[in-house]
Amino acid sequence: MSTNRNGIREVRQRMQELYVYDLYGFRTEIKPLASALYPYETINCFATGIHQGRRKMLVVTYYRILIVSISFGSPANIIEIPREKIKNAAYTKRFFTSTLTFETAEEQYLFSMVSRRVLELFVWAVNQDGPIRN
């Protein structure tokens, strides 16, 4: 996708399909996310939470996990993690402080203050059969 209106429209349309548009439809991370996606790449989960002291958007696709963060006056920071490197995806559901966690060989990721509506969707998206790469 590109950063034109069609790419942003497709991301927002996918949010509506996953019933999270009211949570994330007007986030500033949508524009850089639309430019980082491959053509025909399907998003399976959206979530936002606090990671390393900053609010970031977590997006799970069939091939990878993208972590998008925006700072005022600087370009977006996008971290890409291949799905086959993800281990131990889990969540903790609490009233106000729900968390998402997953690990790679190098690092452990913890997102706090995540909406309770997306916790099961995140674990489902990460546990889908991964892509076959030759």
Protein backbone atom coordinates (compact mmCIF):
# COMPACT_ATOMS: atom_id res chain seq x y z
CA MET A 1 0.00 0.00 0.00
CA SER A 2 1.05 3.56 -0.33
CA THR A 3 0.35 6.57 1.84
CA ASN A 4 -2.37 7.79 -0.50
CA ARG A 5 -5.99 7.89 0.54
CA ASN A 6 -6.67 4.37 -0.80
CA GLY A 7 -4.15 2.77 1.58
CA ILE A 8 -5.52 4.63 4.59
CA ARG A 9 -9.07 3.78 3.50
CA GLU A 10 -8.17 0.07 3.28
CA VAL A 11 -6.68 0.11 6.79
CA ARG A 12 -9.79 1.80 8.19
CA GLN A 13 -12.02 -0.64 6.32
CA ARG A 14 -10.13 -3.56 7.91
CA MET A 15 -10.62 -1.92 11.33
CA GLN A 16 -14.36 -1.89 10.68
CA GLU A 17 -14.26 -5.58 9.70
CA LEU A 18 -12.50 -6.40 12.99
CA TYR A 19 -14.90 -4.14 14.99
CA VAL A 20 -12.11 -1.90 16.33
CA TYR A 21 -12.70 1.22 14.23
CA ASP A 22 -14.23 3.09 17.16
CA LEU A 23 -11.06 2.39 19.18
CA TYR A 24 -8.36 3.09 16.57
CA GLY A 25 -9.98 4.68 13.50
CA PHE A 26 -8.49 8.13 14.07
CA ARG A 27 -5.04 7.22 15.42
CA THR A 28 -2.09 9.08 13.90
CA GLU A 29 -0.24 5.79 13.33
CA ILE A 30 -2.59 4.82 10.47
CA LYS A 31 -0.78 6.83 7.80
CA PRO A 32 2.70 5.36 8.40
CA LEU A 33 1.12 1.92 8.85
CA ALA A 34 -0.56 2.17 5.45
CA SER A 35 2.80 2.97 3.84
CA ALA A 36 4.54 0.03 5.58
CA LEU A 37 2.10 -2.67 4.49
CA TYR A 38 2.79 -4.91 1.50
CA PRO A 39 0.23 -5.01 -1.31
CA TYR A 40 -2.59 -7.44 -0.40
CA GLU A 41 -1.22 -7.91 3.14
CA THR A 42 -4.10 -8.69 5.51
CA ILE A 43 -4.18 -7.29 9.00
CA ASN A 44 -5.50 -9.73 11.61
CA CYS A 45 -5.26 -7.61 14.77
CA PHE A 46 -4.89 -4.00 15.92
CA ALA A 47 -3.97 -3.00 19.47
CA THR A 48 -2.49 0.01 21.21
CA GLY A 49 -0.72 0.02 24.51
CA ILE A 50 2.18 1.45 26.43
CA HIS A 51 5.51 -0.16 25.56
CA GLN A 52 8.76 1.23 26.98
CA GLY A 53 6.93 4.24 28.38
CA ARG A 54 5.31 5.36 25.10
CA ARG A 55 1.95 4.72 23.48
CA LYS A 56 2.45 2.46 20.43
CA MET A 57 0.23 0.65 17.96
CA LEU A 58 0.70 -3.10 17.54
CA VAL A 59 -0.48 -4.66 14.28
CA VAL A 60 -0.46 -8.38 13.50
CA THR A 61 -0.52 -9.48 9.86
CA TYR A 62 -0.12 -12.91 8.31
CA TYR A 63 3.64 -12.43 7.84
CA ARG A 64 4.78 -10.10 10.61
CA ILE A 65 4.07 -7.95 13.61
CA LEU A 66 4.48 -4.20 13.21
CA ILE A 67 4.98 -1.84 16.14
CA VAL A 68 4.30 1.76 15.08
CA SER A 69 5.09 4.80 17.20
CA ILE A 70 4.81 8.49 16.36
CA SER A 71 6.66 11.41 17.91
CA PHE A 72 5.71 14.99 17.23
CA GLY A 73 8.08 16.53 14.69
CA SER A 74 9.91 13.34 13.75
CA PRO A 75 9.20 10.48 11.35
CA ALA A 76 7.35 7.38 12.47
CA ASN A 77 9.31 4.57 14.04
CA ILE A 78 8.24 1.13 12.75
CA ILE A 79 9.60 -2.09 14.21
CA GLU A 80 9.03 -5.23 12.14
CA ILE A 81 9.12 -8.71 13.67
CA PRO A 82 8.59 -11.83 11.50
CA ARG A 83 5.74 -13.98 12.81
CA GLU A 84 7.81 -17.16 12.90
CA LYS A 85 10.06 -15.59 15.59
CA ILE A 86 7.17 -14.98 18.01
CA LYS A 87 6.93 -17.21 21.08
CA ASN A 88 4.70 -17.31 24.14
CA ALA A 89 2.00 -14.85 23.13
CA ALA A 90 -0.27 -14.24 26.10
CA TYR A 91 -2.52 -11.68 27.74
CA THR A 92 -3.61 -10.71 31.21
CA LYS A 93 -7.14 -9.38 31.44
CA ARG A 94 -7.81 -6.86 34.18
CA PHE A 95 -10.34 -4.10 34.53
CA PHE A 96 -8.09 -1.14 33.65
CA THR A 97 -4.60 -2.57 33.20
CA SER A 98 -4.85 -5.41 30.69
CA THR A 99 -1.54 -6.43 29.12
CA LEU A 100 -0.25 -8.24 26.02
CA THR A 101 3.09 -10.06 26.07
CA PHE A 102 5.15 -12.00 23.55
CA GLU A 103 8.77 -12.97 23.16
CA THR A 104 11.38 -13.31 20.46
CA ALA A 105 14.85 -14.80 20.83
CA GLU A 106 16.27 -11.32 21.50
CA GLU A 107 13.64 -9.49 23.50
CA GLN A 108 10.43 -9.69 25.51
CA TYR A 109 7.64 -7.27 24.58
CA LEU A 110 5.08 -6.04 27.10
CA PHE A 111 2.18 -3.75 26.18
CA SER A 112 0.15 -2.42 29.08
CA MET A 113 -3.10 -0.44 29.17
CA VAL A 114 -4.51 -2.41 26.23
CA SER A 115 -8.24 -2.48 25.48
CA ARG A 116 -9.89 -5.64 26.74
CA ARG A 117 -11.74 -6.03 23.44
CA VAL A 118 -8.62 -6.99 21.48
CA LEU A 119 -6.86 -9.39 23.84
CA GLU A 120 -8.31 -12.66 22.50
CA LEU A 121 -8.02 -11.37 18.93
CA PHE A 122 -4.29 -10.76 19.44
CA VAL A 123 -3.60 -14.28 20.71
CA TRP A 124 -5.71 -15.77 17.90
CA ALA A 125 -3.84 -13.73 15.26
CA VAL A 126 -0.39 -14.66 16.58
CA ASN A 127 -1.28 -18.36 16.90
CA GLN A 128 -2.45 -18.70 13.29
CA ASP A 129 -0.35 -21.04 11.15
CA GLY A 130 2.69 -19.07 10.09
CA PRO A 131 3.79 -18.47 6.52
CA ILE A 132 5.83 -21.11 4.75
CA ARG A 133 9.09 -19.62 3.53
CA ASN A 134 11.53 -21.54 1.35
